[in-house]
Amino acid sequence: MRREITSWHSPSLGKEMPIVTYGYYGFSLLLVPTAAADYLEYERFQMMEHLAPFIEGGKVKVFSVNSINTESWLNNEMHPPHKGIRHNQFNEYIFNEVIPYIKNATSWDTPIIIGGASFGALHSMNLFLKRPDLLNGVIAMSGVYDLMEYTKGHYDDQVYYNSPIHYIPNLTDHSILEQQRAGKIIIATGSGAYEDPEANRRFSGVLHSKAIPHELDIWGEDITHDWPTWRKMLPHFLETRF
């Protein structure tokens, strides 16, 4: 499998940010790490081995970036309003740097699907819903879509605008809604330990209230919040939905 690592000094974040690419051809899959993890997390947990048939077969080209959650929502020493400011810089990094990089590495009309698990699912969903003009869909696994799950009770405008379950009900911009409706949205979760299927049902209800098509796929009680789940889910969706 072709594997390439590169990095650049991000103007948005003011630091060096690496990105790893797997494969040659296919639509682009941009993976966002969980919690405090880095750009090689999916590789370390054998996800690339499970995606290898799709990568080597030319169905998908995978890109994986670093998270900065330890510099924002997971940094307990940080003043709460500053967490949102830093996270917005991460959003700008994805929109203004990573997506152009992916387009230059593929083509400007190659679709980009963003995806992630756990905290990466929330970020992936948020990024897609904010810029459905840049991203063509999202695969969100084992997420919750209420950012206050991670803010220790803090709530301000920055939290609101990065918490899909809060801002989507109030979204009225027809052009953005139509772009969201044109995307492919997959919300998947298990029903086992540390999963939260009810949170997924609630968010599905929010999307439904805005007439945003999506697939809610709730797996059984044997499906827990862990890597074996995501190594099953992501290949399943790549095989059956794309």
C-alpha atoms as a PDB file:
ATOM      1  CA  MET A   1       0.000   0.000   0.000  1.00  0.00           C
ATOM      2  CA  ARG A   2       1.322   3.424  -0.907  1.00  0.00           C
ATOM      3  CA  ARG A   3       1.851   5.507   2.230  1.00  0.00           C
ATOM      4  CA  GLU A   4       3.112   9.085   2.253  1.00  0.00           C
ATOM      5  CA  ILE A   5       3.656  11.465   5.163  1.00  0.00           C
ATOM      6  CA  THR A   6       4.080  15.182   4.697  1.00  0.00           C
ATOM      7  CA  SER A   7       3.685  18.245   6.886  1.00  0.00           C
ATOM      8  CA  TRP A   8       3.664  22.012   6.722  1.00  0.00           C
ATOM      9  CA  HIS A   9       3.602  24.933   9.118  1.00  0.00           C
ATOM     10  CA  SER A  10      -0.072  25.721   9.423  1.00  0.00           C
ATOM     11  CA  PRO A  11      -0.908  29.435   9.243  1.00  0.00           C
ATOM     12  CA  SER A  12      -4.250  28.685  10.896  1.00  0.00           C
ATOM     13  CA  LEU A  13      -2.767  26.865  13.883  1.00  0.00           C
ATOM     14  CA  GLY A  14       0.724  28.378  14.035  1.00  0.00           C
ATOM     15  CA  LYS A  15       2.418  24.986  14.250  1.00  0.00           C
ATOM     16  CA  GLU A  16       3.698  22.131  12.131  1.00  0.00           C
ATOM     17  CA  MET A  17       0.873  19.786  11.170  1.00  0.00           C
ATOM     18  CA  PRO A  18       1.516  16.374   9.579  1.00  0.00           C
ATOM     19  CA  ILE A  19      -0.832  14.440   7.331  1.00  0.00           C
ATOM     20  CA  VAL A  20      -0.589  10.859   6.070  1.00  0.00           C
ATOM     21  CA  THR A  21      -1.975   9.587   2.770  1.00  0.00           C
ATOM     22  CA  TYR A  22      -2.752   5.991   1.794  1.00  0.00           C
ATOM     23  CA  GLY A  23      -3.357   4.902  -1.777  1.00  0.00           C
ATOM     24  CA  TYR A  24      -3.441   6.370  -5.275  1.00  0.00           C
ATOM     25  CA  TYR A  25      -6.997   6.685  -6.591  1.00  0.00           C
ATOM     26  CA  GLY A  26     -10.657   6.817  -5.666  1.00  0.00           C
ATOM     27  CA  PHE A  27     -12.780   9.264  -3.764  1.00  0.00           C
ATOM     28  CA  SER A  28     -11.072  10.970  -0.828  1.00  0.00           C
ATOM     29  CA  LEU A  29     -11.717   9.869   2.744  1.00  0.00           C
ATOM     30  CA  LEU A  30     -10.493  12.359   5.349  1.00  0.00           C
ATOM     31  CA  LEU A  31     -10.185  10.808   8.814  1.00  0.00           C
ATOM     32  CA  VAL A  32     -10.297  12.857  12.023  1.00  0.00           C
ATOM     33  CA  PRO A  33      -8.758  11.181  15.098  1.00  0.00           C
ATOM     34  CA  THR A  34     -10.457  10.382  18.377  1.00  0.00           C
ATOM     35  CA  ALA A  35      -9.936  12.392  21.566  1.00  0.00           C
ATOM     36  CA  ALA A  36      -6.250  13.254  22.074  1.00  0.00           C
ATOM     37  CA  ALA A  37      -4.925  11.093  19.260  1.00  0.00           C
ATOM     38  CA  ASP A  38      -2.692  11.889  16.300  1.00  0.00           C
ATOM     39  CA  TYR A  39      -2.662  11.405  12.535  1.00  0.00           C
ATOM     40  CA  LEU A  40      -1.319   7.845  12.756  1.00  0.00           C
ATOM     41  CA  GLU A  41      -3.983   6.617  15.178  1.00  0.00           C
ATOM     42  CA  TYR A  42      -6.035   4.798  12.554  1.00  0.00           C
ATOM     43  CA  GLU A  43      -2.918   3.038  11.316  1.00  0.00           C
ATOM     44  CA  ARG A  44      -1.822   2.016  14.826  1.00  0.00           C
ATOM     45  CA  PHE A  45      -5.205   0.445  15.492  1.00  0.00           C
ATOM     46  CA  GLN A  46      -5.045  -1.599  12.259  1.00  0.00           C
ATOM     47  CA  MET A  47      -7.778   0.340  10.464  1.00  0.00           C
ATOM     48  CA  MET A  48      -5.651   0.613   7.327  1.00  0.00           C
ATOM     49  CA  GLU A  49      -5.305  -3.157   7.185  1.00  0.00           C
ATOM     50  CA  HIS A  50      -9.090  -3.429   7.134  1.00  0.00           C
ATOM     51  CA  LEU A  51      -9.373  -0.693   4.499  1.00  0.00           C
ATOM     52  CA  ALA A  52      -6.602  -2.151   2.353  1.00  0.00           C
ATOM     53  CA  PRO A  53      -8.913  -3.862  -0.194  1.00  0.00           C
ATOM     54  CA  PHE A  54     -10.640  -0.539  -0.910  1.00  0.00           C
ATOM     55  CA  ILE A  55      -7.390   1.428  -0.985  1.00  0.00           C
ATOM     56  CA  GLU A  56      -5.455  -1.007  -3.124  1.00  0.00           C
ATOM     57  CA  GLY A  57      -8.468  -1.533  -5.371  1.00  0.00           C
ATOM     58  CA  GLY A  58      -8.603   2.186  -6.149  1.00  0.00           C
ATOM     59  CA  LYS A  59     -11.968   2.830  -4.548  1.00  0.00           C
ATOM     60  CA  VAL A  60     -10.709   5.274  -1.942  1.00  0.00           C
ATOM     61  CA  LYS A  61      -7.675   7.380  -1.131  1.00  0.00           C
ATOM     62  CA  VAL A  62      -7.360   7.987   2.608  1.00  0.00           C
ATOM     63  CA  PHE A  63      -5.983  11.074   4.367  1.00  0.00           C
ATOM     64  CA  SER A  64      -5.542  11.345   8.141  1.00  0.00           C
ATOM     65  CA  VAL A  65      -4.745  14.482  10.157  1.00  0.00           C
ATOM     66  CA  ASN A  66      -3.717  15.337  13.710  1.00  0.00           C
ATOM     67  CA  SER A  67      -6.219  16.413  16.310  1.00  0.00           C
ATOM     68  CA  ILE A  68      -5.622  19.424  18.555  1.00  0.00           C
ATOM     69  CA  ASN A  69      -8.140  18.494  21.247  1.00  0.00           C
ATOM     70  CA  THR A  70      -5.454  18.683  23.957  1.00  0.00           C
ATOM     71  CA  GLU A  71      -5.027  22.336  22.975  1.00  0.00           C
ATOM     72  CA  SER A  72      -8.743  23.030  23.157  1.00  0.00           C
ATOM     73  CA  TRP A  73     -11.648  21.060  24.621  1.00  0.00           C
ATOM     74  CA  LEU A  74      -9.527  18.499  26.500  1.00  0.00           C
ATOM     75  CA  ASN A  75      -7.118  21.028  28.026  1.00  0.00           C
ATOM     76  CA  ASN A  76      -8.257  21.422  31.630  1.00  0.00           C
ATOM     77  CA  GLU A  77      -5.781  24.258  32.265  1.00  0.00           C
ATOM     78  CA  MET A  78      -7.168  26.442  29.481  1.00  0.00           C
ATOM     79  CA  HIS A  79      -9.626  29.288  30.003  1.00  0.00           C
ATOM     80  CA  PRO A  80     -12.908  27.909  28.577  1.00  0.00           C
ATOM     81  CA  PRO A  81     -13.571  30.660  25.985  1.00  0.00           C
ATOM     82  CA  HIS A  82     -10.079  30.159  24.583  1.00  0.00           C
ATOM     83  CA  LYS A  83     -10.859  26.499  23.880  1.00  0.00           C
ATOM     84  CA  GLY A  84     -13.449  27.489  21.308  1.00  0.00           C
ATOM     85  CA  ILE A  85     -11.122  30.021  19.726  1.00  0.00           C
ATOM     86  CA  ARG A  86      -8.452  27.359  19.307  1.00  0.00           C
ATOM     87  CA  HIS A  87     -10.936  24.858  17.942  1.00  0.00           C
ATOM     88  CA  ASN A  88     -12.125  27.363  15.340  1.00  0.00           C
ATOM     89  CA  GLN A  89      -8.517  27.616  14.192  1.00  0.00           C
ATOM     90  CA  PHE A  90      -8.595  23.839  13.673  1.00  0.00           C
ATOM     91  CA  ASN A  91     -11.736  24.230  11.562  1.00  0.00           C
ATOM     92  CA  GLU A  92      -9.953  26.841   9.445  1.00  0.00           C
ATOM     93  CA  TYR A  93      -6.966  24.524   9.093  1.00  0.00           C
ATOM     94  CA  ILE A  94      -9.230  21.826   7.655  1.00  0.00           C
ATOM     95  CA  PHE A  95     -11.157  24.161   5.357  1.00  0.00           C
ATOM     96  CA  ASN A  96      -8.328  26.393   4.137  1.00  0.00           C
ATOM     97  CA  GLU A  97      -5.343  24.039   4.175  1.00  0.00           C
ATOM     98  CA  VAL A  98      -6.241  20.350   4.304  1.00  0.00           C
ATOM     99  CA  ILE A  99      -9.019  20.386   1.736  1.00  0.00           C
ATOM    100  CA  PRO A 100      -6.933  22.284  -0.855  1.00  0.00           C
ATOM    101  CA  TYR A 101      -4.089  19.850  -0.168  1.00  0.00           C
ATOM    102  CA  ILE A 102      -6.422  16.902  -0.832  1.00  0.00           C
ATOM    103  CA  LYS A 103      -7.753  18.535  -3.997  1.00  0.00           C
ATOM    104  CA  ASN A 104      -4.231  19.090  -5.269  1.00  0.00           C
ATOM    105  CA  ALA A 105      -3.372  15.458  -4.471  1.00  0.00           C
ATOM    106  CA  THR A 106      -6.437  14.183  -6.341  1.00  0.00           C
ATOM    107  CA  SER A 107      -8.510  16.494  -8.516  1.00  0.00           C
ATOM    108  CA  TRP A 108     -10.800  19.411  -7.889  1.00  0.00           C
ATOM    109  CA  ASP A 109     -13.888  17.371  -8.719  1.00  0.00           C
ATOM    110  CA  THR A 110     -12.979  14.313  -6.616  1.00  0.00           C
ATOM    111  CA  PRO A 111     -15.527  13.945  -3.769  1.00  0.00           C
ATOM    112  CA  ILE A 112     -14.289  14.238  -0.191  1.00  0.00           C
ATOM    113  CA  ILE A 113     -16.038  12.255   2.555  1.00  0.00           C
ATOM    114  CA  ILE A 114     -14.978  13.108   6.102  1.00  0.00           C
ATOM    115  CA  GLY A 115     -15.191  10.584   8.915  1.00  0.00           C
ATOM    116  CA  GLY A 116     -14.202   9.721  12.419  1.00  0.00           C
ATOM    117  CA  ALA A 117     -15.048   7.830  15.578  1.00  0.00           C
ATOM    118  CA  SER A 118     -15.989   9.064  19.048  1.00  0.00           C
ATOM    119  CA  PHE A 119     -14.865  12.719  19.413  1.00  0.00           C
ATOM    120  CA  GLY A 120     -13.706  12.480  15.798  1.00  0.00           C
ATOM    121  CA  ALA A 121     -17.304  11.729  14.812  1.00  0.00           C
ATOM    122  CA  LEU A 122     -18.534  14.963  16.375  1.00  0.00           C
ATOM    123  CA  HIS A 123     -15.795  16.978  14.667  1.00  0.00           C
ATOM    124  CA  SER A 124     -16.410  15.268  11.331  1.00  0.00           C
ATOM    125  CA  MET A 125     -20.134  15.931  11.484  1.00  0.00           C
ATOM    126  CA  ASN A 126     -19.557  19.542  12.505  1.00  0.00           C
ATOM    127  CA  LEU A 127     -17.061  20.130   9.694  1.00  0.00           C
ATOM    128  CA  PHE A 128     -19.382  18.670   7.072  1.00  0.00           C
ATOM    129  CA  LEU A 129     -22.432  20.585   8.276  1.00  0.00           C
ATOM    130  CA  LYS A 130     -20.487  23.846   8.319  1.00  0.00           C
ATOM    131  CA  ARG A 131     -19.052  23.465   4.823  1.00  0.00           C
ATOM    132  CA  PRO A 132     -21.134  21.119   2.701  1.00  0.00           C
ATOM    133  CA  ASP A 133     -19.852  23.112  -0.268  1.00  0.00           C
ATOM    134  CA  LEU A 134     -16.382  21.643   0.382  1.00  0.00           C
ATOM    135  CA  LEU A 135     -17.251  18.222   1.791  1.00  0.00           C
ATOM    136  CA  ASN A 136     -19.533  15.709   0.105  1.00  0.00           C
ATOM    137  CA  GLY A 137     -20.545  13.630   3.094  1.00  0.00           C
ATOM    138  CA  VAL A 138     -19.680  12.240   6.501  1.00  0.00           C
ATOM    139  CA  ILE A 139     -19.316   8.844   8.159  1.00  0.00           C
ATOM    140  CA  ALA A 140     -19.740   9.432  11.884  1.00  0.00           C
ATOM    141  CA  MET A 141     -19.172   6.435  14.165  1.00  0.00           C
ATOM    142  CA  SER A 142     -19.985   6.228  17.882  1.00  0.00           C
ATOM    143  CA  GLY A 143     -20.351   9.949  18.291  1.00  0.00           C
ATOM    144  CA  VAL A 144     -22.469  12.342  20.282  1.00  0.00           C
ATOM    145  CA  TYR A 145     -23.327  15.611  18.596  1.00  0.00           C
ATOM    146  CA  ASP A 146     -23.646  17.801  21.665  1.00  0.00           C
ATOM    147  CA  LEU A 147     -20.303  19.482  22.307  1.00  0.00           C
ATOM    148  CA  MET A 148     -21.266  20.143  25.922  1.00  0.00           C
ATOM    149  CA  GLU A 149     -20.411  16.492  26.572  1.00  0.00           C
ATOM    150  CA  TYR A 150     -16.795  17.739  26.415  1.00  0.00           C
ATOM    151  CA  THR A 151     -16.965  21.288  27.827  1.00  0.00           C
ATOM    152  CA  LYS A 152     -17.487  20.560  31.538  1.00  0.00           C
ATOM    153  CA  GLY A 153     -20.623  22.687  31.561  1.00  0.00           C
ATOM    154  CA  HIS A 154     -19.202  25.695  29.748  1.00  0.00           C
ATOM    155  CA  TYR A 155     -21.495  27.173  27.095  1.00  0.00           C
ATOM    156  CA  ASP A 156     -20.925  30.200  24.895  1.00  0.00           C
ATOM    157  CA  ASP A 157     -21.240  31.165  21.235  1.00  0.00           C
ATOM    158  CA  GLN A 158     -18.133  29.161  20.320  1.00  0.00           C
ATOM    159  CA  VAL A 159     -19.633  26.041  21.867  1.00  0.00           C
ATOM    160  CA  TYR A 160     -22.988  26.699  20.200  1.00  0.00           C
ATOM    161  CA  TYR A 161     -21.494  27.075  16.722  1.00  0.00           C
ATOM    162  CA  ASN A 162     -19.473  23.855  17.036  1.00  0.00           C
ATOM    163  CA  SER A 163     -22.266  21.769  18.534  1.00  0.00           C
ATOM    164  CA  PRO A 164     -24.500  20.445  15.734  1.00  0.00           C
ATOM    165  CA  ILE A 165     -27.394  19.514  17.991  1.00  0.00           C
ATOM    166  CA  HIS A 166     -27.550  23.164  19.072  1.00  0.00           C
ATOM    167  CA  TYR A 167     -27.115  25.103  15.844  1.00  0.00           C
ATOM    168  CA  ILE A 168     -28.817  22.871  13.278  1.00  0.00           C
ATOM    169  CA  PRO A 169     -32.357  23.416  14.675  1.00  0.00           C
ATOM    170  CA  ASN A 170     -31.898  27.177  14.131  1.00  0.00           C
ATOM    171  CA  LEU A 171     -30.305  26.955  10.692  1.00  0.00           C
ATOM    172  CA  THR A 172     -32.432  28.768   8.107  1.00  0.00           C
ATOM    173  CA  ASP A 173     -29.963  29.456   5.276  1.00  0.00           C
ATOM    174  CA  HIS A 174     -31.637  27.696   2.357  1.00  0.00           C
ATOM    175  CA  SER A 175     -28.470  27.370   0.273  1.00  0.00           C
ATOM    176  CA  ILE A 176     -26.549  25.669   3.097  1.00  0.00           C
ATOM    177  CA  LEU A 177     -29.477  23.411   3.912  1.00  0.00           C
ATOM    178  CA  GLU A 178     -29.737  22.344   0.283  1.00  0.00           C
ATOM    179  CA  GLN A 179     -26.018  21.535   0.182  1.00  0.00           C
ATOM    180  CA  GLN A 180     -26.354  19.525   3.391  1.00  0.00           C
ATOM    181  CA  ARG A 181     -29.327  17.680   1.917  1.00  0.00           C
ATOM    182  CA  ALA A 182     -27.251  16.768  -1.131  1.00  0.00           C
ATOM    183  CA  GLY A 183     -24.500  15.167   0.970  1.00  0.00           C
ATOM    184  CA  LYS A 184     -24.229  11.580   2.135  1.00  0.00           C
ATOM    185  CA  ILE A 185     -24.626  11.406   5.914  1.00  0.00           C
ATOM    186  CA  ILE A 186     -24.097   8.163   7.806  1.00  0.00           C
ATOM    187  CA  ILE A 187     -24.557   8.079  11.582  1.00  0.00           C
ATOM    188  CA  ALA A 188     -23.584   4.756  13.134  1.00  0.00           C
ATOM    189  CA  THR A 189     -23.354   3.579  16.718  1.00  0.00           C
ATOM    190  CA  GLY A 190     -23.455   0.428  18.744  1.00  0.00           C
ATOM    191  CA  SER A 191     -25.722  -0.304  21.685  1.00  0.00           C
ATOM    192  CA  GLY A 192     -23.048  -1.848  23.902  1.00  0.00           C
ATOM    193  CA  ALA A 193     -20.737  -0.515  26.595  1.00  0.00           C
ATOM    194  CA  TYR A 194     -19.969   3.219  26.445  1.00  0.00           C
ATOM    195  CA  GLU A 195     -22.059   3.735  23.325  1.00  0.00           C
ATOM    196  CA  ASP A 196     -24.936   6.234  23.352  1.00  0.00           C
ATOM    197  CA  PRO A 197     -27.587   5.196  20.830  1.00  0.00           C
ATOM    198  CA  GLU A 198     -30.134   7.585  22.338  1.00  0.00           C
ATOM    199  CA  ALA A 199     -27.862  10.559  21.602  1.00  0.00           C
ATOM    200  CA  ASN A 200     -27.669   9.375  18.014  1.00  0.00           C
ATOM    201  CA  ARG A 201     -31.448   9.021  17.802  1.00  0.00           C
ATOM    202  CA  ARG A 202     -31.875  12.552  19.151  1.00  0.00           C
ATOM    203  CA  PHE A 203     -29.509  13.982  16.583  1.00  0.00           C
ATOM    204  CA  SER A 204     -31.171  11.988  13.838  1.00  0.00           C
ATOM    205  CA  GLY A 205     -34.430  13.610  14.903  1.00  0.00           C
ATOM    206  CA  VAL A 206     -32.842  17.049  14.565  1.00  0.00           C
ATOM    207  CA  LEU A 207     -31.682  16.284  11.030  1.00  0.00           C
ATOM    208  CA  HIS A 208     -35.087  14.867  10.185  1.00  0.00           C
ATOM    209  CA  SER A 209     -36.757  18.062  11.426  1.00  0.00           C
ATOM    210  CA  LYS A 210     -34.706  20.018   8.886  1.00  0.00           C
ATOM    211  CA  ALA A 211     -35.436  17.523   6.079  1.00  0.00           C
ATOM    212  CA  ILE A 212     -31.754  16.581   5.848  1.00  0.00           C
ATOM    213  CA  PRO A 213     -31.537  13.012   4.486  1.00  0.00           C
ATOM    214  CA  HIS A 214     -29.274  10.698   6.440  1.00  0.00           C
ATOM    215  CA  GLU A 215     -28.857   7.107   7.501  1.00  0.00           C
ATOM    216  CA  LEU A 216     -29.040   6.204  11.186  1.00  0.00           C
ATOM    217  CA  ASP A 217     -27.565   2.737  11.720  1.00  0.00           C
ATOM    218  CA  ILE A 218     -27.740   1.464  15.297  1.00  0.00           C
ATOM    219  CA  TRP A 219     -25.875  -1.801  15.830  1.00  0.00           C
ATOM    220  CA  GLY A 220     -26.465  -4.342  18.597  1.00  0.00           C
ATOM    221  CA  GLU A 221     -25.597  -4.628  22.264  1.00  0.00           C
ATOM    222  CA  ASP A 222     -22.446  -6.571  21.424  1.00  0.00           C
ATOM    223  CA  ILE A 223     -21.088  -3.475  19.636  1.00  0.00           C
ATOM    224  CA  THR A 224     -19.075  -1.399  22.102  1.00  0.00           C
ATOM    225  CA  HIS A 225     -17.251   1.931  22.011  1.00  0.00           C
ATOM    226  CA  ASP A 226     -13.896   0.600  20.875  1.00  0.00           C
ATOM    227  CA  TRP A 227     -11.690  -0.066  17.881  1.00  0.00           C
ATOM    228  CA  PRO A 228     -13.078  -3.508  16.985  1.00  0.00           C
ATOM    229  CA  THR A 229     -16.402  -1.744  16.360  1.00  0.00           C
ATOM    230  CA  TRP A 230     -14.923   0.909  14.096  1.00  0.00           C
ATOM    231  CA  ARG A 231     -12.826  -1.659  12.220  1.00  0.00           C
ATOM    232  CA  LYS A 232     -16.134  -3.364  11.388  1.00  0.00           C
ATOM    233  CA  MET A 233     -18.158  -0.267  10.655  1.00  0.00           C
ATOM    234  CA  LEU A 234     -15.938   1.717   8.338  1.00  0.00           C
ATOM    235  CA  PRO A 235     -15.157  -1.111   5.872  1.00  0.00           C
ATOM    236  CA  HIS A 236     -18.840  -2.067   5.935  1.00  0.00           C
ATOM    237  CA  PHE A 237     -19.926   1.387   4.866  1.00  0.00           C
ATOM    238  CA  LEU A 238     -17.200   1.715   2.246  1.00  0.00           C
ATOM    239  CA  GLU A 239     -18.289  -1.593   0.755  1.00  0.00           C
ATOM    240  CA  THR A 240     -22.043  -1.096   0.853  1.00  0.00           C
ATOM    241  CA  ARG A 241     -22.668   2.668   0.606  1.00  0.00           C
ATOM    242  CA  PHE A 242     -20.016   3.934  -1.822  1.00  0.00           C
END
